[in-house]
Amino acid sequence: MQGIKKSTRQILESNRKRNSPLRSEFILCAHNIRSMYNVGSLFRSADAFDIHELWLSGFTPSPPRPEITKTALGAEETVEWRQIDDLNQSIRILKNNGYTICGLEQTFGSISINSYKPQSSKICLILGNEVTGIDDEVLSLIDQFLEIPQFGEKHSLNVSVAAGIGIYAFFDKLC
């Protein structure tokens, strides 16, 4: 039956038989993401990998918004999420609870995400603004900076694409 597409019902049945290693503790934090379409896409990726929680902080918009729903396709209803008012304080609480805070950002100290070896599944992956990246005041709270290897002329990816790559990299490492 190779080459025959599964129905959406068959896909859902297959998905329900799987267990994601990101379900119990992995947090994706979207800080100061401007585009509601990017936020909707983050919800879709969060749902696809069944992550523990999606945090929306700073001026990142939150549901209900038609623009988010357009790209989330209902994932804003299936993904656990919360609006974070004080990201710095929330990060400190995570650290006190044994979380490693990773920032998806190109810094002088960043390492390639494919070479990173997490010490536990308690991970919070922070994404920054589409243009300016992670805010300077948040940078000092990050334990490990990770970057996606790139080989072309452009030096960045759309934040929702980068999030999908980042989530998959952790999924692959924690399986």
N, C-alpha and C. Protein backbone atom coordinates (compact mmCIF):
# COMPACT_ATOMS: atom_id res chain seq x y z
N MET A 1 0.82 -1.20 0.00
CA MET A 1 0.00 0.00 0.00
C MET A 1 0.86 1.26 0.00
N GLN A 2 2.13 1.07 -0.24
CA GLN A 2 3.02 2.22 -0.31
C GLN A 2 2.54 3.16 -1.41
N GLY A 3 2.55 4.46 -1.11
CA GLY A 3 2.13 5.45 -2.09
C GLY A 3 0.66 5.79 -2.01
N ILE A 4 -0.08 5.12 -1.11
CA ILE A 4 -1.49 5.45 -0.93
C ILE A 4 -1.60 6.31 0.33
N LYS A 5 -2.21 7.46 0.20
CA LYS A 5 -2.32 8.38 1.33
C LYS A 5 -3.26 7.83 2.39
N LYS A 6 -2.91 8.12 3.64
CA LYS A 6 -3.80 7.80 4.76
C LYS A 6 -4.87 8.87 4.86
N SER A 7 -6.02 8.50 5.37
CA SER A 7 -7.06 9.48 5.64
C SER A 7 -6.69 10.25 6.91
N THR A 8 -7.34 11.38 7.12
CA THR A 8 -7.05 12.14 8.34
C THR A 8 -7.40 11.32 9.58
N ARG A 9 -8.43 10.50 9.51
CA ARG A 9 -8.80 9.63 10.63
C ARG A 9 -7.70 8.60 10.90
N GLN A 10 -7.14 8.01 9.86
CA GLN A 10 -6.07 7.03 10.02
C GLN A 10 -4.81 7.69 10.60
N ILE A 11 -4.53 8.90 10.16
CA ILE A 11 -3.37 9.63 10.69
C ILE A 11 -3.57 9.90 12.18
N LEU A 12 -4.76 10.35 12.55
CA LEU A 12 -5.05 10.63 13.95
C LEU A 12 -4.92 9.36 14.80
N GLU A 13 -5.42 8.24 14.30
CA GLU A 13 -5.29 6.97 15.02
C GLU A 13 -3.83 6.60 15.24
N SER A 14 -3.00 6.79 14.21
CA SER A 14 -1.56 6.52 14.35
C SER A 14 -0.92 7.45 15.37
N ASN A 15 -1.28 8.73 15.30
CA ASN A 15 -0.71 9.71 16.22
C ASN A 15 -1.04 9.38 17.67
N ARG A 16 -2.25 8.93 17.91
CA ARG A 16 -2.68 8.64 19.28
C ARG A 16 -1.97 7.43 19.88
N LYS A 17 -1.36 6.60 19.06
CA LYS A 17 -0.62 5.43 19.55
C LYS A 17 0.82 5.80 19.94
N ARG A 18 1.25 7.00 19.59
CA ARG A 18 2.62 7.42 19.86
C ARG A 18 2.68 8.23 21.15
N ASN A 19 3.86 8.22 21.78
CA ASN A 19 4.10 9.05 22.96
C ASN A 19 5.28 9.96 22.69
N SER A 20 5.09 11.24 22.86
CA SER A 20 6.15 12.21 22.62
C SER A 20 7.03 12.36 23.86
N PRO A 21 8.35 12.36 23.69
CA PRO A 21 9.24 12.61 24.82
C PRO A 21 9.19 14.07 25.28
N LEU A 22 8.50 14.92 24.54
CA LEU A 22 8.40 16.34 24.88
C LEU A 22 7.13 16.64 25.68
N ARG A 23 6.30 15.65 25.88
CA ARG A 23 4.99 15.85 26.50
C ARG A 23 5.06 16.26 27.96
N SER A 24 5.96 15.70 28.71
CA SER A 24 5.90 15.90 30.16
C SER A 24 6.59 17.17 30.65
N GLU A 25 7.63 17.66 29.95
CA GLU A 25 8.39 18.76 30.54
C GLU A 25 8.87 19.84 29.57
N PHE A 26 8.81 19.64 28.28
CA PHE A 26 9.37 20.59 27.31
C PHE A 26 8.47 21.81 27.16
N ILE A 27 9.06 23.00 27.31
CA ILE A 27 8.34 24.27 27.17
C ILE A 27 8.95 25.05 26.02
N LEU A 28 8.11 25.56 25.15
CA LEU A 28 8.53 26.46 24.08
C LEU A 28 8.05 27.84 24.47
N CYS A 29 8.96 28.80 24.51
CA CYS A 29 8.63 30.17 24.91
C CYS A 29 8.82 31.10 23.72
N ALA A 30 7.75 31.76 23.32
CA ALA A 30 7.76 32.72 22.22
C ALA A 30 7.71 34.11 22.82
N HIS A 31 8.84 34.81 22.79
CA HIS A 31 8.94 36.13 23.42
C HIS A 31 8.99 37.23 22.36
N ASN A 32 8.05 38.15 22.46
CA ASN A 32 7.98 39.31 21.57
C ASN A 32 7.91 38.94 20.09
N ILE A 33 7.09 37.93 19.81
CA ILE A 33 6.82 37.56 18.42
C ILE A 33 5.69 38.46 17.93
N ARG A 34 5.92 39.15 16.84
CA ARG A 34 4.96 40.14 16.36
C ARG A 34 3.82 39.52 15.53
N SER A 35 4.15 38.60 14.66
CA SER A 35 3.19 38.08 13.70
C SER A 35 2.24 37.06 14.31
N MET A 36 0.95 37.32 14.20
CA MET A 36 -0.05 36.37 14.68
C MET A 36 -0.03 35.08 13.85
N TYR A 37 0.38 35.20 12.59
CA TYR A 37 0.49 34.01 11.75
C TYR A 37 1.63 33.12 12.23
N ASN A 38 2.73 33.73 12.64
CA ASN A 38 3.83 32.95 13.23
C ASN A 38 3.38 32.28 14.52
N VAL A 39 2.62 32.99 15.34
CA VAL A 39 2.13 32.41 16.59
C VAL A 39 1.23 31.21 16.28
N GLY A 40 0.36 31.35 15.29
CA GLY A 40 -0.49 30.22 14.90
C GLY A 40 0.33 29.03 14.46
N SER A 41 1.38 29.30 13.71
CA SER A 41 2.27 28.23 13.26
C SER A 41 3.00 27.57 14.44
N LEU A 42 3.36 28.37 15.45
CA LEU A 42 3.99 27.80 16.65
C LEU A 42 3.02 26.84 17.35
N PHE A 43 1.75 27.21 17.40
CA PHE A 43 0.75 26.31 17.98
C PHE A 43 0.69 24.99 17.20
N ARG A 44 0.73 25.08 15.86
CA ARG A 44 0.69 23.86 15.04
C ARG A 44 1.88 22.96 15.32
N SER A 45 3.08 23.54 15.38
CA SER A 45 4.28 22.73 15.66
C SER A 45 4.23 22.16 17.08
N ALA A 46 3.77 22.97 18.02
CA ALA A 46 3.65 22.50 19.41
C ALA A 46 2.69 21.32 19.48
N ASP A 47 1.59 21.38 18.75
CA ASP A 47 0.64 20.27 18.71
C ASP A 47 1.26 19.05 18.04
N ALA A 48 1.95 19.25 16.93
CA ALA A 48 2.52 18.13 16.17
C ALA A 48 3.46 17.30 17.04
N PHE A 49 4.23 17.96 17.90
CA PHE A 49 5.20 17.25 18.75
C PHE A 49 4.68 17.04 20.17
N ASP A 50 3.42 17.42 20.41
CA ASP A 50 2.77 17.22 21.70
C ASP A 50 3.63 17.73 22.86
N ILE A 51 4.11 18.98 22.71
CA ILE A 51 4.96 19.53 23.77
C ILE A 51 4.14 19.81 25.03
N HIS A 52 4.82 19.95 26.14
CA HIS A 52 4.17 20.16 27.42
C HIS A 52 3.39 21.48 27.45
N GLU A 53 4.06 22.57 27.02
CA GLU A 53 3.41 23.87 27.13
C GLU A 53 4.06 24.88 26.19
N LEU A 54 3.25 25.79 25.70
CA LEU A 54 3.71 26.93 24.90
C LEU A 54 3.49 28.18 25.72
N TRP A 55 4.57 28.94 25.91
CA TRP A 55 4.48 30.20 26.64
C TRP A 55 4.51 31.36 25.65
N LEU A 56 3.63 32.31 25.85
CA LEU A 56 3.59 33.53 25.04
C LEU A 56 3.91 34.69 25.97
N SER A 57 4.98 35.41 25.67
CA SER A 57 5.40 36.49 26.57
C SER A 57 5.72 37.76 25.80
N GLY A 58 5.89 38.83 26.58
CA GLY A 58 6.14 40.13 25.96
C GLY A 58 4.91 40.56 25.18
N PHE A 59 5.12 41.10 23.99
CA PHE A 59 3.98 41.53 23.19
C PHE A 59 3.47 40.46 22.23
N THR A 60 3.89 39.21 22.44
CA THR A 60 3.38 38.11 21.62
C THR A 60 1.86 38.01 21.78
N PRO A 61 1.13 38.05 20.68
CA PRO A 61 -0.34 37.96 20.79
C PRO A 61 -0.78 36.57 21.22
N SER A 62 -1.95 36.52 21.84
CA SER A 62 -2.49 35.23 22.29
C SER A 62 -3.90 35.05 21.77
N PRO A 63 -4.34 33.80 21.71
CA PRO A 63 -5.72 33.53 21.29
C PRO A 63 -6.70 34.14 22.28
N PRO A 64 -7.93 34.35 21.87
CA PRO A 64 -8.47 34.06 20.54
C PRO A 64 -8.25 35.23 19.58
N ARG A 65 -7.72 34.95 18.45
CA ARG A 65 -7.52 35.91 17.37
C ARG A 65 -7.70 35.17 16.05
N PRO A 66 -8.46 35.71 15.11
CA PRO A 66 -8.68 35.00 13.84
C PRO A 66 -7.38 34.72 13.08
N GLU A 67 -6.42 35.65 13.19
CA GLU A 67 -5.15 35.45 12.47
C GLU A 67 -4.37 34.28 13.05
N ILE A 68 -4.44 34.07 14.36
CA ILE A 68 -3.77 32.92 14.99
C ILE A 68 -4.49 31.64 14.57
N THR A 69 -5.80 31.65 14.65
CA THR A 69 -6.59 30.48 14.30
C THR A 69 -6.38 30.06 12.86
N LYS A 70 -6.19 31.04 11.98
CA LYS A 70 -6.01 30.74 10.55
C LYS A 70 -4.85 29.78 10.32
N THR A 71 -3.73 30.00 11.00
CA THR A 71 -2.59 29.10 10.81
C THR A 71 -2.53 27.99 11.85
N ALA A 72 -3.12 28.20 13.01
CA ALA A 72 -3.12 27.16 14.05
C ALA A 72 -4.08 26.03 13.70
N LEU A 73 -5.11 26.32 12.92
CA LEU A 73 -6.11 25.32 12.53
C LEU A 73 -6.67 24.55 13.73
N GLY A 74 -6.90 25.26 14.82
CA GLY A 74 -7.48 24.64 15.99
C GLY A 74 -6.47 24.18 17.03
N ALA A 75 -5.18 24.24 16.73
CA ALA A 75 -4.16 23.79 17.68
C ALA A 75 -4.13 24.65 18.93
N GLU A 76 -4.65 25.87 18.84
CA GLU A 76 -4.71 26.72 20.04
C GLU A 76 -5.69 26.14 21.06
N GLU A 77 -6.53 25.20 20.61
CA GLU A 77 -7.47 24.52 21.50
C GLU A 77 -6.90 23.22 22.07
N THR A 78 -5.86 22.68 21.45
CA THR A 78 -5.30 21.39 21.89
C THR A 78 -3.98 21.51 22.63
N VAL A 79 -3.31 22.63 22.48
CA VAL A 79 -2.00 22.83 23.11
C VAL A 79 -2.17 23.59 24.43
N GLU A 80 -1.53 23.09 25.48
CA GLU A 80 -1.50 23.83 26.74
C GLU A 80 -0.65 25.08 26.52
N TRP A 81 -1.18 26.22 26.87
CA TRP A 81 -0.43 27.46 26.68
C TRP A 81 -0.78 28.42 27.81
N ARG A 82 0.11 29.38 27.99
CA ARG A 82 -0.15 30.43 28.98
C ARG A 82 0.52 31.72 28.55
N GLN A 83 -0.09 32.81 28.96
CA GLN A 83 0.49 34.14 28.77
C GLN A 83 1.38 34.42 29.97
N ILE A 84 2.63 34.76 29.72
CA ILE A 84 3.60 35.03 30.77
C ILE A 84 3.78 36.53 30.89
N ASP A 85 3.48 37.07 32.07
CA ASP A 85 3.61 38.51 32.28
C ASP A 85 5.03 38.93 32.63
N ASP A 86 5.73 38.13 33.42
CA ASP A 86 7.10 38.45 33.83
C ASP A 86 8.01 37.29 33.44
N LEU A 87 8.58 37.37 32.24
CA LEU A 87 9.39 36.27 31.72
C LEU A 87 10.61 36.02 32.60
N ASN A 88 11.28 37.07 33.03
CA ASN A 88 12.48 36.88 33.84
C ASN A 88 12.17 36.09 35.11
N GLN A 89 11.10 36.46 35.80
CA GLN A 89 10.71 35.74 37.01
C GLN A 89 10.31 34.29 36.69
N SER A 90 9.61 34.09 35.61
CA SER A 90 9.20 32.74 35.22
C SER A 90 10.40 31.86 34.89
N ILE A 91 11.41 32.44 34.24
CA ILE A 91 12.63 31.69 33.94
C ILE A 91 13.34 31.31 35.24
N ARG A 92 13.41 32.23 36.19
CA ARG A 92 14.05 31.92 37.48
C ARG A 92 13.33 30.77 38.19
N ILE A 93 12.01 30.75 38.12
CA ILE A 93 11.25 29.65 38.73
C ILE A 93 11.58 28.33 38.02
N LEU A 94 11.64 28.35 36.70
CA LEU A 94 12.00 27.14 35.97
C LEU A 94 13.38 26.65 36.38
N LYS A 95 14.33 27.56 36.47
CA LYS A 95 15.69 27.17 36.86
C LYS A 95 15.70 26.54 38.25
N ASN A 96 14.93 27.11 39.18
CA ASN A 96 14.84 26.55 40.53
C ASN A 96 14.21 25.16 40.53
N ASN A 97 13.46 24.85 39.47
CA ASN A 97 12.84 23.53 39.34
C ASN A 97 13.63 22.60 38.43
N GLY A 98 14.89 22.95 38.16
CA GLY A 98 15.78 22.06 37.42
C GLY A 98 15.73 22.15 35.92
N TYR A 99 15.11 23.18 35.39
CA TYR A 99 15.05 23.35 33.94
C TYR A 99 16.34 23.95 33.40
N THR A 100 16.70 23.53 32.20
CA THR A 100 17.76 24.17 31.44
C THR A 100 17.08 25.13 30.47
N ILE A 101 17.56 26.37 30.46
CA ILE A 101 16.98 27.39 29.59
C ILE A 101 17.88 27.52 28.36
N CYS A 102 17.32 27.21 27.21
CA CYS A 102 18.05 27.28 25.96
C CYS A 102 17.47 28.41 25.11
N GLY A 103 18.34 29.14 24.47
CA GLY A 103 17.91 30.21 23.58
C GLY A 103 18.29 29.87 22.15
N LEU A 104 17.35 29.93 21.25
CA LEU A 104 17.64 29.71 19.84
C LEU A 104 18.08 31.05 19.27
N GLU A 105 19.39 31.26 19.33
CA GLU A 105 19.96 32.57 18.98
C GLU A 105 21.41 32.40 18.54
N GLN A 106 21.82 33.20 17.56
CA GLN A 106 23.20 33.18 17.10
C GLN A 106 24.01 34.15 17.95
N THR A 107 24.84 33.60 18.84
CA THR A 107 25.71 34.41 19.69
C THR A 107 27.14 33.91 19.54
N PHE A 108 28.08 34.65 20.13
CA PHE A 108 29.47 34.20 20.08
C PHE A 108 29.66 32.90 20.86
N GLY A 109 28.77 32.62 21.81
CA GLY A 109 28.87 31.40 22.60
C GLY A 109 27.91 30.30 22.18
N SER A 110 27.17 30.50 21.09
CA SER A 110 26.18 29.49 20.71
C SER A 110 26.88 28.29 20.07
N ILE A 111 26.21 27.14 20.22
CA ILE A 111 26.69 25.92 19.57
C ILE A 111 25.61 25.43 18.62
N SER A 112 26.01 24.62 17.69
CA SER A 112 25.07 24.06 16.72
C SER A 112 24.07 23.17 17.46
N ILE A 113 22.79 23.35 17.15
CA ILE A 113 21.76 22.59 17.84
C ILE A 113 21.93 21.08 17.64
N ASN A 114 22.52 20.69 16.52
CA ASN A 114 22.69 19.26 16.28
C ASN A 114 23.80 18.65 17.13
N SER A 115 24.67 19.46 17.73
CA SER A 115 25.71 18.90 18.60
C SER A 115 25.38 19.04 20.09
N TYR A 116 24.28 19.69 20.42
CA TYR A 116 23.89 19.87 21.82
C TYR A 116 23.35 18.57 22.40
N LYS A 117 23.79 18.25 23.61
CA LYS A 117 23.34 17.05 24.30
C LYS A 117 22.66 17.46 25.61
N PRO A 118 21.34 17.47 25.64
CA PRO A 118 20.64 17.86 26.87
C PRO A 118 20.91 16.88 28.00
N GLN A 119 21.01 17.41 29.22
CA GLN A 119 21.26 16.58 30.39
C GLN A 119 19.96 16.02 30.97
N SER A 120 18.83 16.63 30.64
CA SER A 120 17.53 16.13 31.09
C SER A 120 16.48 16.59 30.09
N SER A 121 15.25 16.12 30.31
CA SER A 121 14.16 16.52 29.42
C SER A 121 13.49 17.81 29.89
N LYS A 122 13.95 18.37 31.00
CA LYS A 122 13.40 19.64 31.50
C LYS A 122 14.08 20.77 30.74
N ILE A 123 13.46 21.13 29.63
CA ILE A 123 14.02 22.14 28.72
C ILE A 123 12.98 23.23 28.49
N CYS A 124 13.43 24.47 28.50
CA CYS A 124 12.63 25.59 28.01
C CYS A 124 13.42 26.20 26.86
N LEU A 125 12.85 26.15 25.67
CA LEU A 125 13.49 26.71 24.48
C LEU A 125 12.86 28.06 24.19
N ILE A 126 13.69 29.10 24.22
CA ILE A 126 13.19 30.46 24.01
C ILE A 126 13.46 30.92 22.58
N LEU A 127 12.42 31.48 21.98
CA LEU A 127 12.50 32.09 20.65
C LEU A 127 12.33 33.59 20.82
N GLY A 128 13.04 34.35 20.03
CA GLY A 128 12.94 35.79 20.11
C GLY A 128 12.21 36.40 18.92
N ASN A 129 12.18 37.70 18.92
CA ASN A 129 11.52 38.50 17.90
C ASN A 129 12.04 38.17 16.50
N GLU A 130 11.12 38.27 15.52
CA GLU A 130 11.45 37.93 14.14
C GLU A 130 12.62 38.75 13.58
N VAL A 131 12.80 39.98 14.05
CA VAL A 131 13.85 40.85 13.50
C VAL A 131 15.03 40.99 14.46
N THR A 132 14.75 41.22 15.74
CA THR A 132 15.81 41.55 16.69
C THR A 132 16.28 40.37 17.54
N GLY A 133 15.61 39.23 17.45
CA GLY A 133 16.01 38.06 18.23
C GLY A 133 15.58 38.17 19.69
N ILE A 134 16.30 37.46 20.53
CA ILE A 134 15.98 37.43 21.96
C ILE A 134 16.45 38.74 22.60
N ASP A 135 15.59 39.35 23.40
CA ASP A 135 15.91 40.62 24.07
C ASP A 135 17.15 40.49 24.95
N ASP A 136 17.93 41.58 25.01
CA ASP A 136 19.16 41.59 25.78
C ASP A 136 18.95 41.23 27.25
N GLU A 137 17.84 41.71 27.85
CA GLU A 137 17.63 41.42 29.28
C GLU A 137 17.30 39.96 29.53
N VAL A 138 16.86 39.25 28.52
CA VAL A 138 16.58 37.81 28.66
C VAL A 138 17.85 36.99 28.42
N LEU A 139 18.75 37.50 27.58
CA LEU A 139 19.96 36.76 27.23
C LEU A 139 20.75 36.31 28.47
N SER A 140 20.81 37.15 29.49
CA SER A 140 21.62 36.83 30.67
C SER A 140 21.05 35.66 31.48
N LEU A 141 19.80 35.29 31.23
CA LEU A 141 19.16 34.19 31.97
C LEU A 141 19.26 32.85 31.25
N ILE A 142 19.82 32.86 30.06
CA ILE A 142 19.87 31.65 29.25
C ILE A 142 21.12 30.84 29.58
N ASP A 143 20.92 29.53 29.76
CA ASP A 143 22.02 28.62 30.09
C ASP A 143 22.82 28.21 28.87
N GLN A 144 22.13 27.98 27.75
CA GLN A 144 22.81 27.49 26.55
C GLN A 144 22.19 28.12 25.31
N PHE A 145 23.04 28.72 24.50
CA PHE A 145 22.59 29.27 23.22
C PHE A 145 22.82 28.25 22.12
N LEU A 146 21.78 28.06 21.31
CA LEU A 146 21.82 27.08 20.23
C LEU A 146 21.52 27.79 18.93
N GLU A 147 22.20 27.37 17.88
CA GLU A 147 21.89 27.92 16.57
C GLU A 147 21.70 26.80 15.57
N ILE A 148 20.90 27.09 14.57
CA ILE A 148 20.64 26.14 13.50
C ILE A 148 21.70 26.36 12.43
N PRO A 149 22.45 25.31 12.06
CA PRO A 149 23.48 25.50 11.02
C PRO A 149 22.84 25.94 9.70
N GLN A 150 23.42 26.95 9.10
CA GLN A 150 22.94 27.46 7.83
C GLN A 150 24.12 27.62 6.88
N PHE A 151 23.87 27.48 5.62
CA PHE A 151 24.97 27.46 4.65
C PHE A 151 24.78 28.43 3.49
N GLY A 152 23.66 29.10 3.44
CA GLY A 152 23.38 30.01 2.33
C GLY A 152 23.77 31.45 2.65
N GLU A 153 23.32 32.33 1.83
CA GLU A 153 23.63 33.75 1.95
C GLU A 153 22.85 34.43 3.07
N LYS A 154 21.64 33.98 3.32
CA LYS A 154 20.81 34.58 4.38
C LYS A 154 21.27 34.04 5.72
N HIS A 155 21.10 34.80 6.76
CA HIS A 155 21.61 34.41 8.08
C HIS A 155 20.51 34.10 9.09
N SER A 156 19.27 34.01 8.61
CA SER A 156 18.19 33.72 9.54
C SER A 156 17.08 32.95 8.85
N LEU A 157 16.21 32.38 9.68
CA LEU A 157 15.03 31.66 9.21
C LEU A 157 13.80 32.33 9.80
N ASN A 158 12.65 32.11 9.19
CA ASN A 158 11.41 32.56 9.79
C ASN A 158 11.31 31.91 11.17
N VAL A 159 10.81 32.65 12.16
CA VAL A 159 10.79 32.16 13.54
C VAL A 159 9.97 30.89 13.69
N SER A 160 8.90 30.76 12.94
CA SER A 160 8.11 29.53 13.06
C SER A 160 8.83 28.34 12.43
N VAL A 161 9.58 28.57 11.37
CA VAL A 161 10.38 27.50 10.76
C VAL A 161 11.50 27.10 11.72
N ALA A 162 12.17 28.10 12.28
CA ALA A 162 13.24 27.82 13.25
C ALA A 162 12.71 27.04 14.45
N ALA A 163 11.51 27.40 14.90
CA ALA A 163 10.90 26.69 16.03
C ALA A 163 10.67 25.22 15.68
N GLY A 164 10.14 24.97 14.50
CA GLY A 164 9.91 23.59 14.08
C GLY A 164 11.19 22.78 14.04
N ILE A 165 12.26 23.38 13.53
CA ILE A 165 13.55 22.70 13.50
C ILE A 165 14.05 22.46 14.92
N GLY A 166 13.93 23.49 15.77
CA GLY A 166 14.38 23.37 17.15
C GLY A 166 13.62 22.31 17.93
N ILE A 167 12.31 22.31 17.80
CA ILE A 167 11.50 21.31 18.49
C ILE A 167 11.87 19.91 18.01
N TYR A 168 12.01 19.75 16.70
CA TYR A 168 12.37 18.43 16.18
C TYR A 168 13.74 17.99 16.69
N ALA A 169 14.68 18.92 16.77
CA ALA A 169 16.02 18.55 17.26
C ALA A 169 15.94 18.00 18.68
N PHE A 170 15.14 18.63 19.54
CA PHE A 170 14.98 18.12 20.90
C PHE A 170 14.21 16.81 20.91
N PHE A 171 13.20 16.68 20.08
CA PHE A 171 12.47 15.42 19.96
C PHE A 171 13.43 14.29 19.62
N ASP A 172 14.27 14.54 18.63
CA ASP A 172 15.23 13.53 18.16
C ASP A 172 16.23 13.16 19.27
N LYS A 173 16.68 14.14 20.04
CA LYS A 173 17.66 13.89 21.10
C LYS A 173 17.05 13.18 22.30
N LEU A 174 15.77 13.40 22.57
CA LEU A 174 15.14 12.85 23.77
C LEU A 174 14.41 11.54 23.52
N CYS A 175 14.38 11.08 22.26
CA CYS A 175 13.74 9.78 21.97
C CYS A 175 14.56 8.63 22.54
